[in-house]
PDB file of N, CA and C in Angstrom:
ATOM      1  N   MET A   1       2.229  27.209   2.791  1.00  0.00           N
ATOM      2  CA  MET A   1       2.029  26.027   3.793  1.00  0.00           C
ATOM      3  C   MET A   1       0.724  26.118   4.556  1.00  0.00           C
ATOM      4  N   HIS A   2       0.104  24.897   4.697  1.00  0.00           N
ATOM      5  CA  HIS A   2      -1.193  24.755   5.311  1.00  0.00           C
ATOM      6  C   HIS A   2      -1.025  24.839   6.873  1.00  0.00           C
ATOM      7  N   LYS A   3      -1.647  25.263   7.152  1.00  0.00           N
ATOM      8  CA  LYS A   3      -1.802  25.544   8.872  1.00  0.00           C
ATOM      9  C   LYS A   3      -3.025  24.401   9.396  1.00  0.00           C
ATOM     10  N   GLU A   4      -3.808  23.902   8.536  1.00  0.00           N
ATOM     11  CA  GLU A   4      -5.025  23.077   9.067  1.00  0.00           C
ATOM     12  C   GLU A   4      -4.147  21.521   9.338  1.00  0.00           C
ATOM     13  N   LYS A   5      -5.005  20.930  10.306  1.00  0.00           N
ATOM     14  CA  LYS A   5      -4.410  19.752  10.591  1.00  0.00           C
ATOM     15  C   LYS A   5      -5.376  18.766   9.972  1.00  0.00           C
ATOM     16  N   LEU A   6      -4.655  17.627   9.619  1.00  0.00           N
ATOM     17  CA  LEU A   6      -5.403  16.566   9.069  1.00  0.00           C
ATOM     18  C   LEU A   6      -5.968  15.657  10.036  1.00  0.00           C
ATOM     19  N   PRO A   7      -7.264  15.135  10.241  1.00  0.00           N
ATOM     20  CA  PRO A   7      -7.630  14.123  11.014  1.00  0.00           C
ATOM     21  C   PRO A   7      -6.964  12.712  10.980  1.00  0.00           C
ATOM     22  N   SER A   8      -6.643  12.219  12.018  1.00  0.00           N
ATOM     23  CA  SER A   8      -6.325  10.793  11.817  1.00  0.00           C
ATOM     24  C   SER A   8      -7.026   9.804  10.999  1.00  0.00           C
ATOM     25  N   GLY A   9      -6.258   9.178  10.145  1.00  0.00           N
ATOM     26  CA  GLY A   9      -7.197   8.349   9.326  1.00  0.00           C
ATOM     27  C   GLY A   9      -7.668   8.990   7.988  1.00  0.00           C
ATOM     28  N   TRP A  10      -6.932  10.341   8.007  1.00  0.00           N
ATOM     29  CA  TRP A  10      -7.396  10.780   6.692  1.00  0.00           C
ATOM     30  C   TRP A  10      -7.096  10.290   5.429  1.00  0.00           C
ATOM     31  N   LEU A  11      -8.113  10.206   4.437  1.00  0.00           N
ATOM     32  CA  LEU A  11      -7.968   9.448   3.245  1.00  0.00           C
ATOM     33  C   LEU A  11      -7.994  10.471   1.873  1.00  0.00           C
ATOM     34  N   LEU A  12      -7.140  10.169   1.000  1.00  0.00           N
ATOM     35  CA  LEU A  12      -7.289  10.993  -0.491  1.00  0.00           C
ATOM     36  C   LEU A  12      -8.760  10.473  -0.991  1.00  0.00           C
ATOM     37  N   ASP A  13      -9.304  11.519  -1.408  1.00  0.00           N
ATOM     38  CA  ASP A  13     -10.375  11.256  -2.119  1.00  0.00           C
ATOM     39  C   ASP A  13     -10.440  11.444  -3.712  1.00  0.00           C
ATOM     40  N   THR A  14     -11.167  11.157  -4.276  1.00  0.00           N
ATOM     41  CA  THR A  14     -11.252  11.373  -6.101  1.00  0.00           C
ATOM     42  C   THR A  14     -10.891  12.541  -6.369  1.00  0.00           C
ATOM     43  N   LYS A  15     -11.447  13.468  -5.885  1.00  0.00           N
ATOM     44  CA  LYS A  15     -11.108  15.250  -6.048  1.00  0.00           C
ATOM     45  C   LYS A  15      -9.702  15.360  -5.814  1.00  0.00           C
ATOM     46  N   ASN A  16      -9.084  14.776  -4.696  1.00  0.00           N
ATOM     47  CA  ASN A  16      -7.714  15.029  -4.414  1.00  0.00           C
ATOM     48  C   ASN A  16      -6.537  14.626  -5.828  1.00  0.00           C
ATOM     49  N   ILE A  17      -7.053  13.130  -5.908  1.00  0.00           N
ATOM     50  CA  ILE A  17      -6.437  12.856  -7.284  1.00  0.00           C
ATOM     51  C   ILE A  17      -6.627  13.414  -8.388  1.00  0.00           C
ATOM     52  N   ASP A  18      -8.011  13.763  -8.659  1.00  0.00           N
ATOM     53  CA  ASP A  18      -7.972  14.912  -9.894  1.00  0.00           C
ATOM     54  C   ASP A  18      -7.191  15.913 -10.040  1.00  0.00           C
ATOM     55  N   GLN A  19      -7.070  16.366  -8.780  1.00  0.00           N
ATOM     56  CA  GLN A  19      -6.307  17.734  -8.549  1.00  0.00           C
ATOM     57  C   GLN A  19      -4.864  17.313  -8.903  1.00  0.00           C
ATOM     58  N   PHE A  20      -4.206  16.485  -8.588  1.00  0.00           N
ATOM     59  CA  PHE A  20      -3.240  16.043  -8.518  1.00  0.00           C
ATOM     60  C   PHE A  20      -2.787  15.843 -10.019  1.00  0.00           C
ATOM     61  N   HIS A  21      -3.685  14.703 -10.785  1.00  0.00           N
ATOM     62  CA  HIS A  21      -3.627  14.767 -12.309  1.00  0.00           C
ATOM     63  C   HIS A  21      -3.528  16.157 -12.896  1.00  0.00           C
ATOM     64  N   GLN A  22      -4.232  17.092 -12.469  1.00  0.00           N
ATOM     65  CA  GLN A  22      -4.142  18.506 -13.170  1.00  0.00           C
ATOM     66  C   GLN A  22      -3.104  18.984 -12.854  1.00  0.00           C
ATOM     67  N   TRP A  23      -2.530  18.997 -11.733  1.00  0.00           N
ATOM     68  CA  TRP A  23      -1.273  19.651 -11.530  1.00  0.00           C
ATOM     69  C   TRP A  23       0.102  18.938 -12.319  1.00  0.00           C
ATOM     70  N   LEU A  24      -0.188  17.800 -12.620  1.00  0.00           N
ATOM     71  CA  LEU A  24       0.839  17.065 -13.692  1.00  0.00           C
ATOM     72  C   LEU A  24       0.664  17.599 -14.767  1.00  0.00           C
ATOM     73  N   LEU A  25      -0.576  17.820 -15.434  1.00  0.00           N
ATOM     74  CA  LEU A  25      -0.849  18.270 -16.704  1.00  0.00           C
ATOM     75  C   LEU A  25      -0.108  19.742 -16.739  1.00  0.00           C
ATOM     76  N   ASP A  26      -0.713  20.550 -15.959  1.00  0.00           N
ATOM     77  CA  ASP A  26      -0.378  21.635 -15.754  1.00  0.00           C
ATOM     78  C   ASP A  26       1.266  22.158 -15.904  1.00  0.00           C
ATOM     79  N   ARG A  27       1.828  21.379 -15.235  1.00  0.00           N
ATOM     80  CA  ARG A  27       3.519  21.287 -15.344  1.00  0.00           C
ATOM     81  C   ARG A  27       4.144  20.674 -16.426  1.00  0.00           C
ATOM     82  N   LYS A  28       3.260  20.116 -17.685  1.00  0.00           N
ATOM     83  CA  LYS A  28       3.591  19.341 -18.671  1.00  0.00           C
ATOM     84  C   LYS A  28       4.412  18.215 -18.161  1.00  0.00           C
ATOM     85  N   ILE A  29       4.162  17.558 -17.157  1.00  0.00           N
ATOM     86  CA  ILE A  29       5.057  16.501 -16.687  1.00  0.00           C
ATOM     87  C   ILE A  29       4.620  15.195 -17.473  1.00  0.00           C
ATOM     88  N   GLU A  30       5.380  14.425 -18.272  1.00  0.00           N
ATOM     89  CA  GLU A  30       5.171  13.567 -19.391  1.00  0.00           C
ATOM     90  C   GLU A  30       4.615  12.228 -18.665  1.00  0.00           C
ATOM     91  N   PHE A  31       3.346  11.769 -19.206  1.00  0.00           N
ATOM     92  CA  PHE A  31       2.932  10.204 -18.640  1.00  0.00           C
ATOM     93  C   PHE A  31       1.827  10.139 -19.558  1.00  0.00           C
ATOM     94  N   SER A  32       1.505   8.807 -19.762  1.00  0.00           N
ATOM     95  CA  SER A  32       0.114   8.422 -20.382  1.00  0.00           C
ATOM     96  C   SER A  32      -0.959   8.407 -19.504  1.00  0.00           C
ATOM     97  N   GLU A  33      -2.031   8.442 -20.144  1.00  0.00           N
ATOM     98  CA  GLU A  33      -3.216   8.383 -19.344  1.00  0.00           C
ATOM     99  C   GLU A  33      -3.512   6.954 -19.055  1.00  0.00           C
ATOM    100  N   ALA A  34      -3.049   5.997 -19.761  1.00  0.00           N
ATOM    101  CA  ALA A  34      -3.106   4.618 -19.796  1.00  0.00           C
ATOM    102  C   ALA A  34      -2.478   4.121 -18.442  1.00  0.00           C
ATOM    103  N   ASP A  35      -0.988   4.747 -18.170  1.00  0.00           N
ATOM    104  CA  ASP A  35      -0.212   4.501 -17.103  1.00  0.00           C
ATOM    105  C   ASP A  35      -0.792   4.983 -15.889  1.00  0.00           C
ATOM    106  N   PHE A  36      -1.368   6.122 -15.878  1.00  0.00           N
ATOM    107  CA  PHE A  36      -1.913   6.719 -14.984  1.00  0.00           C
ATOM    108  C   PHE A  36      -3.156   5.951 -14.439  1.00  0.00           C
ATOM    109  N   THR A  37      -4.302   5.486 -15.390  1.00  0.00           N
ATOM    110  CA  THR A  37      -5.253   4.684 -14.857  1.00  0.00           C
ATOM    111  C   THR A  37      -4.700   3.324 -14.451  1.00  0.00           C
ATOM    112  N   ARG A  38      -3.778   2.793 -14.964  1.00  0.00           N
ATOM    113  CA  ARG A  38      -3.449   1.654 -14.748  1.00  0.00           C
ATOM    114  C   ARG A  38      -2.725   1.767 -13.300  1.00  0.00           C
ATOM    115  N   ASP A  39      -2.108   2.796 -12.952  1.00  0.00           N
ATOM    116  CA  ASP A  39      -1.365   2.737 -11.636  1.00  0.00           C
ATOM    117  C   ASP A  39      -2.167   3.989 -10.460  1.00  0.00           C
ATOM    118  N   TYR A  40      -3.345   4.035 -11.038  1.00  0.00           N
ATOM    119  CA  TYR A  40      -4.319   4.710 -10.142  1.00  0.00           C
ATOM    120  C   TYR A  40      -3.927   4.406  -8.498  1.00  0.00           C
ATOM    121  N   ASP A  41      -4.015   3.540  -8.022  1.00  0.00           N
ATOM    122  CA  ASP A  41      -4.151   2.758  -6.622  1.00  0.00           C
ATOM    123  C   ASP A  41      -3.035   3.110  -6.018  1.00  0.00           C
ATOM    124  N   LYS A  42      -1.992   2.838  -7.046  1.00  0.00           N
ATOM    125  CA  LYS A  42      -0.544   2.903  -6.581  1.00  0.00           C
ATOM    126  C   LYS A  42      -0.103   4.100  -6.144  1.00  0.00           C
ATOM    127  N   ILE A  43      -0.478   5.281  -7.181  1.00  0.00           N
ATOM    128  CA  ILE A  43      -0.265   6.668  -7.279  1.00  0.00           C
ATOM    129  C   ILE A  43      -0.824   7.248  -5.873  1.00  0.00           C
ATOM    130  N   ARG A  44      -2.203   7.016  -5.568  1.00  0.00           N
ATOM    131  CA  ARG A  44      -2.964   7.327  -4.763  1.00  0.00           C
ATOM    132  C   ARG A  44      -2.369   6.940  -3.284  1.00  0.00           C
ATOM    133  N   ARG A  45      -2.044   5.637  -3.306  1.00  0.00           N
ATOM    134  CA  ARG A  45      -1.398   5.239  -1.968  1.00  0.00           C
ATOM    135  C   ARG A  45       0.073   5.992  -1.511  1.00  0.00           C
ATOM    136  N   ARG A  46       0.752   6.385  -2.641  1.00  0.00           N
ATOM    137  CA  ARG A  46       2.148   7.049  -2.758  1.00  0.00           C
ATOM    138  C   ARG A  46       1.913   8.300  -2.369  1.00  0.00           C
ATOM    139  N   LEU A  47       1.043   8.932  -2.814  1.00  0.00           N
ATOM    140  CA  LEU A  47       0.580  10.447  -2.756  1.00  0.00           C
ATOM    141  C   LEU A  47       0.269  10.446  -1.129  1.00  0.00           C
ATOM    142  N   GLN A  48      -0.809   9.592  -0.786  1.00  0.00           N
ATOM    143  CA  GLN A  48      -1.205   9.851   0.615  1.00  0.00           C
ATOM    144  C   GLN A  48      -0.082   9.509   1.496  1.00  0.00           C
ATOM    145  N   ALA A  49       0.719   8.737   1.292  1.00  0.00           N
ATOM    146  CA  ALA A  49       2.100   8.376   2.342  1.00  0.00           C
ATOM    147  C   ALA A  49       2.832   9.797   2.324  1.00  0.00           C
ATOM    148  N   GLU A  50       2.978  10.461   1.270  1.00  0.00           N
ATOM    149  CA  GLU A  50       3.992  11.632   1.285  1.00  0.00           C
ATOM    150  C   GLU A  50       3.085  12.700   2.117  1.00  0.00           C
ATOM    151  N   ILE A  51       1.730  12.916   1.951  1.00  0.00           N
ATOM    152  CA  ILE A  51       1.052  13.552   2.802  1.00  0.00           C
ATOM    153  C   ILE A  51       1.061  13.222   4.191  1.00  0.00           C
ATOM    154  N   TYR A  52       0.834  12.084   4.360  1.00  0.00           N
ATOM    155  CA  TYR A  52       1.034  11.649   6.116  1.00  0.00           C
ATOM    156  C   TYR A  52       2.517  12.029   6.331  1.00  0.00           C
ATOM    157  N   LYS A  53       3.598  11.904   5.646  1.00  0.00           N
ATOM    158  CA  LYS A  53       4.926  12.476   6.252  1.00  0.00           C
ATOM    159  C   LYS A  53       4.833  13.912   6.812  1.00  0.00           C
ATOM    160  N   THR A  54       4.227  14.760   6.043  1.00  0.00           N
ATOM    161  CA  THR A  54       4.138  16.221   6.267  1.00  0.00           C
ATOM    162  C   THR A  54       3.340  16.500   7.327  1.00  0.00           C
ATOM    163  N   ALA A  55       2.076  15.651   7.296  1.00  0.00           N
ATOM    164  CA  ALA A  55       0.911  15.967   8.303  1.00  0.00           C
ATOM    165  C   ALA A  55       1.094  15.346   9.654  1.00  0.00           C
ATOM    166  N   PHE A  56       1.891  14.097   9.563  1.00  0.00           N
ATOM    167  CA  PHE A  56       1.851  13.549  11.049  1.00  0.00           C
ATOM    168  C   PHE A  56       3.270  12.834  10.984  1.00  0.00           C
ATOM    169  N   SER A  57       4.013  12.011  10.417  1.00  0.00           N
ATOM    170  CA  SER A  57       5.295  11.704  10.793  1.00  0.00           C
ATOM    171  C   SER A  57       5.912  10.698   9.606  1.00  0.00           C
ATOM    172  N   VAL A  58       7.084  10.555   9.569  1.00  0.00           N
ATOM    173  CA  VAL A  58       7.415   9.555   8.544  1.00  0.00           C
ATOM    174  C   VAL A  58       7.195   8.090   8.934  1.00  0.00           C
ATOM    175  N   ASP A  59       6.926   8.013  10.413  1.00  0.00           N
ATOM    176  CA  ASP A  59       6.287   6.434  10.830  1.00  0.00           C
ATOM    177  C   ASP A  59       5.028   6.243  10.493  1.00  0.00           C
ATOM    178  N   GLU A  60       4.302   7.176  10.400  1.00  0.00           N
ATOM    179  CA  GLU A  60       2.504   7.278  10.073  1.00  0.00           C
ATOM    180  C   GLU A  60       2.680   6.907   8.554  1.00  0.00           C
ATOM    181  N   ALA A  61       3.506   7.576   7.908  1.00  0.00           N
ATOM    182  CA  ALA A  61       3.452   7.230   6.361  1.00  0.00           C
ATOM    183  C   ALA A  61       3.796   5.934   6.037  1.00  0.00           C
ATOM    184  N   ALA A  62       4.790   5.307   6.766  1.00  0.00           N
ATOM    185  CA  ALA A  62       5.376   4.075   6.644  1.00  0.00           C
ATOM    186  C   ALA A  62       4.240   3.044   7.015  1.00  0.00           C
ATOM    187  N   LYS A  63       3.630   3.267   8.136  1.00  0.00           N
ATOM    188  CA  LYS A  63       2.576   2.425   8.486  1.00  0.00           C
ATOM    189  C   LYS A  63       1.375   2.386   7.634  1.00  0.00           C
ATOM    190  N   PHE A  64       1.095   3.521   7.002  1.00  0.00           N
ATOM    191  CA  PHE A  64       0.136   3.814   6.155  1.00  0.00           C
ATOM    192  C   PHE A  64       0.209   3.035   4.846  1.00  0.00           C
ATOM    193  N   GLU A  65       1.478   3.176   4.483  1.00  0.00           N
ATOM    194  CA  GLU A  65       2.084   2.326   3.072  1.00  0.00           C
ATOM    195  C   GLU A  65       1.821   0.843   3.398  1.00  0.00           C
ATOM    196  N   ILE A  66       2.373   0.143   4.558  1.00  0.00           N
ATOM    197  CA  ILE A  66       2.559  -1.153   4.840  1.00  0.00           C
ATOM    198  C   ILE A  66       1.054  -1.576   4.843  1.00  0.00           C
ATOM    199  N   MET A  67       0.200  -0.825   5.482  1.00  0.00           N
ATOM    200  CA  MET A  67      -1.149  -1.415   5.921  1.00  0.00           C
ATOM    201  C   MET A  67      -2.009  -1.276   4.445  1.00  0.00           C
ATOM    202  N   THR A  68      -1.723  -0.984   3.652  1.00  0.00           N
ATOM    203  CA  THR A  68      -2.323  -0.694   2.152  1.00  0.00           C
ATOM    204  C   THR A  68      -1.588  -1.261   1.133  1.00  0.00           C
ATOM    205  N   ASP A  69      -0.357  -1.762   1.361  1.00  0.00           N
ATOM    206  CA  ASP A  69       0.152  -2.375   0.446  1.00  0.00           C
ATOM    207  C   ASP A  69      -0.442  -3.688  -0.328  1.00  0.00           C
ATOM    208  N   PRO A  70      -0.875  -4.006  -1.416  1.00  0.00           N
ATOM    209  CA  PRO A  70      -1.580  -5.220  -1.770  1.00  0.00           C
ATOM    210  C   PRO A  70      -0.596  -6.374  -1.631  1.00  0.00           C
ATOM    211  N   GLU A  71       0.686  -6.322  -1.672  1.00  0.00           N
ATOM    212  CA  GLU A  71       1.800  -7.375  -1.521  1.00  0.00           C
ATOM    213  C   GLU A  71       1.824  -7.808  -0.257  1.00  0.00           C
ATOM    214  N   VAL A  72       1.746  -6.820   0.729  1.00  0.00           N
ATOM    215  CA  VAL A  72       1.851  -7.147   2.028  1.00  0.00           C
ATOM    216  C   VAL A  72       0.640  -7.909   2.575  1.00  0.00           C
ATOM    217  N   GLU A  73      -0.518  -7.451   2.040  1.00  0.00           N
ATOM    218  CA  GLU A  73      -1.933  -8.088   2.488  1.00  0.00           C
ATOM    219  C   GLU A  73      -1.721  -9.651   1.881  1.00  0.00           C
ATOM    220  N   ALA A  74      -1.557  -9.617   0.551  1.00  0.00           N
ATOM    221  CA  ALA A  74      -1.361 -11.012   0.028  1.00  0.00           C
ATOM    222  C   ALA A  74      -0.434 -11.929   0.923  1.00  0.00           C
ATOM    223  N   ALA A  75       0.800 -11.177   1.280  1.00  0.00           N
ATOM    224  CA  ALA A  75       1.524 -12.321   2.214  1.00  0.00           C
ATOM    225  C   ALA A  75       1.028 -12.728   3.521  1.00  0.00           C
ATOM    226  N   VAL A  76       0.390 -11.524   4.143  1.00  0.00           N
ATOM    227  CA  VAL A  76      -0.236 -11.880   5.312  1.00  0.00           C
ATOM    228  C   VAL A  76      -1.351 -12.826   5.236  1.00  0.00           C
ATOM    229  N   ASN A  77      -2.042 -12.850   4.086  1.00  0.00           N
ATOM    230  CA  ASN A  77      -3.327 -13.497   4.022  1.00  0.00           C
ATOM    231  C   ASN A  77      -2.630 -15.100   3.586  1.00  0.00           C
ATOM    232  N   SER A  78      -1.194 -15.267   3.224  1.00  0.00           N
ATOM    233  CA  SER A  78      -0.762 -16.830   2.905  1.00  0.00           C
ATOM    234  C   SER A  78      -0.399 -17.103   3.920  1.00  0.00           C
ATOM    235  N   MET A  79      -0.189 -16.610   5.158  1.00  0.00           N
ATOM    236  CA  MET A  79       0.371 -17.060   6.322  1.00  0.00           C
ATOM    237  C   MET A  79      -0.208 -18.281   7.031  1.00  0.00           C
ATOM    238  N   PRO A  80      -1.497 -18.307   7.081  1.00  0.00           N
ATOM    239  CA  PRO A  80      -2.186 -19.693   7.444  1.00  0.00           C
ATOM    240  C   PRO A  80      -1.943 -20.778   6.665  1.00  0.00           C
ATOM    241  N   LYS A  81      -2.158 -20.588   5.469  1.00  0.00           N
ATOM    242  CA  LYS A  81      -1.775 -21.610   4.599  1.00  0.00           C
ATOM    243  C   LYS A  81      -0.225 -22.070   4.492  1.00  0.00           C
ATOM    244  N   ALA A  82       0.751 -21.247   4.728  1.00  0.00           N
ATOM    245  CA  ALA A  82       1.922 -21.534   4.868  1.00  0.00           C
ATOM    246  C   ALA A  82       2.302 -22.270   6.162  1.00  0.00           C
ATOM    247  N   GLN A  83       1.444 -21.928   7.301  1.00  0.00           N
ATOM    248  CA  GLN A  83       1.553 -22.794   8.508  1.00  0.00           C
ATOM    249  C   GLN A  83       1.069 -24.178   8.117  1.00  0.00           C
ATOM    250  N   ALA A  84      -0.056 -24.118   7.611  1.00  0.00           N
ATOM    251  CA  ALA A  84      -0.527 -25.431   7.443  1.00  0.00           C
ATOM    252  C   ALA A  84       0.233 -26.388   6.570  1.00  0.00           C
ATOM    253  N   LEU A  85       1.094 -25.898   5.748  1.00  0.00           N
ATOM    254  CA  LEU A  85       1.854 -26.807   4.821  1.00  0.00           C
ATOM    255  C   LEU A  85       3.045 -27.277   5.429  1.00  0.00           C
ATOM    256  N   LEU A  86       3.510 -26.067   6.682  1.00  0.00           N
ATOM    257  CA  LEU A  86       4.869 -26.439   7.291  1.00  0.00           C
ATOM    258  C   LEU A  86       4.358 -27.718   8.282  1.00  0.00           C
ATOM    259  N   THR A  87       3.197 -27.533   8.742  1.00  0.00           N
ATOM    260  CA  THR A  87       2.776 -28.413   9.902  1.00  0.00           C
ATOM    261  C   THR A  87       2.432 -30.169   9.098  1.00  0.00           C
ATOM    262  N   SER A  88       1.972 -29.894   7.945  1.00  0.00           N
ATOM    263  CA  SER A  88       1.888 -31.072   6.916  1.00  0.00           C
ATOM    264  C   SER A  88       3.161 -31.965   6.765  1.00  0.00           C
ATOM    265  N   ALA A  89       4.061 -30.787   6.144  1.00  0.00           N
ATOM    266  CA  ALA A  89       5.309 -31.421   5.872  1.00  0.00           C
ATOM    267  C   ALA A  89       5.874 -32.193   7.108  1.00  0.00           C
ATOM    268  N   ARG A  90       5.834 -31.614   8.390  1.00  0.00           N
ATOM    269  CA  ARG A  90       6.401 -32.010   9.557  1.00  0.00           C
ATOM    270  C   ARG A  90       5.856 -33.474   9.961  1.00  0.00           C
ATOM    271  N   LYS A  91       4.486 -33.505   9.662  1.00  0.00           N
ATOM    272  CA  LYS A  91       4.063 -34.691  10.157  1.00  0.00           C
ATOM    273  C   LYS A  91       4.450 -36.008   8.855  1.00  0.00           C
ATOM    274  N   ILE A  92       4.433 -35.409   7.777  1.00  0.00           N
ATOM    275  CA  ILE A  92       5.063 -36.455   6.524  1.00  0.00           C
ATOM    276  C   ILE A  92       6.599 -37.050   6.992  1.00  0.00           C
ATOM    277  N   ILE A  93       7.373 -36.106   7.617  1.00  0.00           N
ATOM    278  CA  ILE A  93       8.732 -36.201   8.089  1.00  0.00           C
ATOM    279  C   ILE A  93       8.908 -37.161   9.083  1.00  0.00           C
ATOM    280  N   VAL A  94       8.064 -37.314  10.051  1.00  0.00           N
ATOM    281  CA  VAL A  94       7.855 -37.772  11.286  1.00  0.00           C
ATOM    282  C   VAL A  94       7.514 -39.112  10.606  1.00  0.00           C
ATOM    283  N   GLU A  95       6.480 -39.213   9.891  1.00  0.00           N
ATOM    284  CA  GLU A  95       5.968 -40.597   9.761  1.00  0.00           C
ATOM    285  C   GLU A  95       7.140 -41.186   8.705  1.00  0.00           C
ATOM    286  N   ARG A  96       7.629 -40.619   8.068  1.00  0.00           N
ATOM    287  CA  ARG A  96       8.779 -41.436   7.344  1.00  0.00           C
ATOM    288  C   ARG A  96       9.967 -41.748   8.066  1.00  0.00           C
ATOM    289  N   MET A  97      10.221 -41.086   9.124  1.00  0.00           N
ATOM    290  CA  MET A  97      11.380 -41.357  10.098  1.00  0.00           C
ATOM    291  C   MET A  97      11.139 -42.694  10.858  1.00  0.00           C
ATOM    292  N   LYS A  98       9.848 -42.798  10.895  1.00  0.00           N
ATOM    293  CA  LYS A  98       9.257 -44.095  11.651  1.00  0.00           C
ATOM    294  C   LYS A  98       9.357 -45.342  10.991  1.00  0.00           C
ATOM    295  N   LYS A  99       9.511 -45.004   9.615  1.00  0.00           N
ATOM    296  CA  LYS A  99       9.799 -46.493   8.719  1.00  0.00           C
ATOM    297  C   LYS A  99      10.907 -47.224   8.912  1.00  0.00           C
TER     298      LYS A  99
END
């Protein structure tokens, strides 16, 4: 068990991911290098979230996962466009009701 405290905002670096990769190889856990490379960012985020659970809390881990999830980011970035479409649709409905 590690007694060192992680600083708030700590991020995994390439060295940490390389160590995890080697840990998988040492334990003969089956995976393809192509899959590991393809899913590198997902693996990094998930591994970091697990470390956050231990170092900080489940809530901090969940917060990290949400803040770094590309699908959540895409959804948040789509909100202004969705609002503009809704506003436009409402204007069209009002105009059609006047006819």
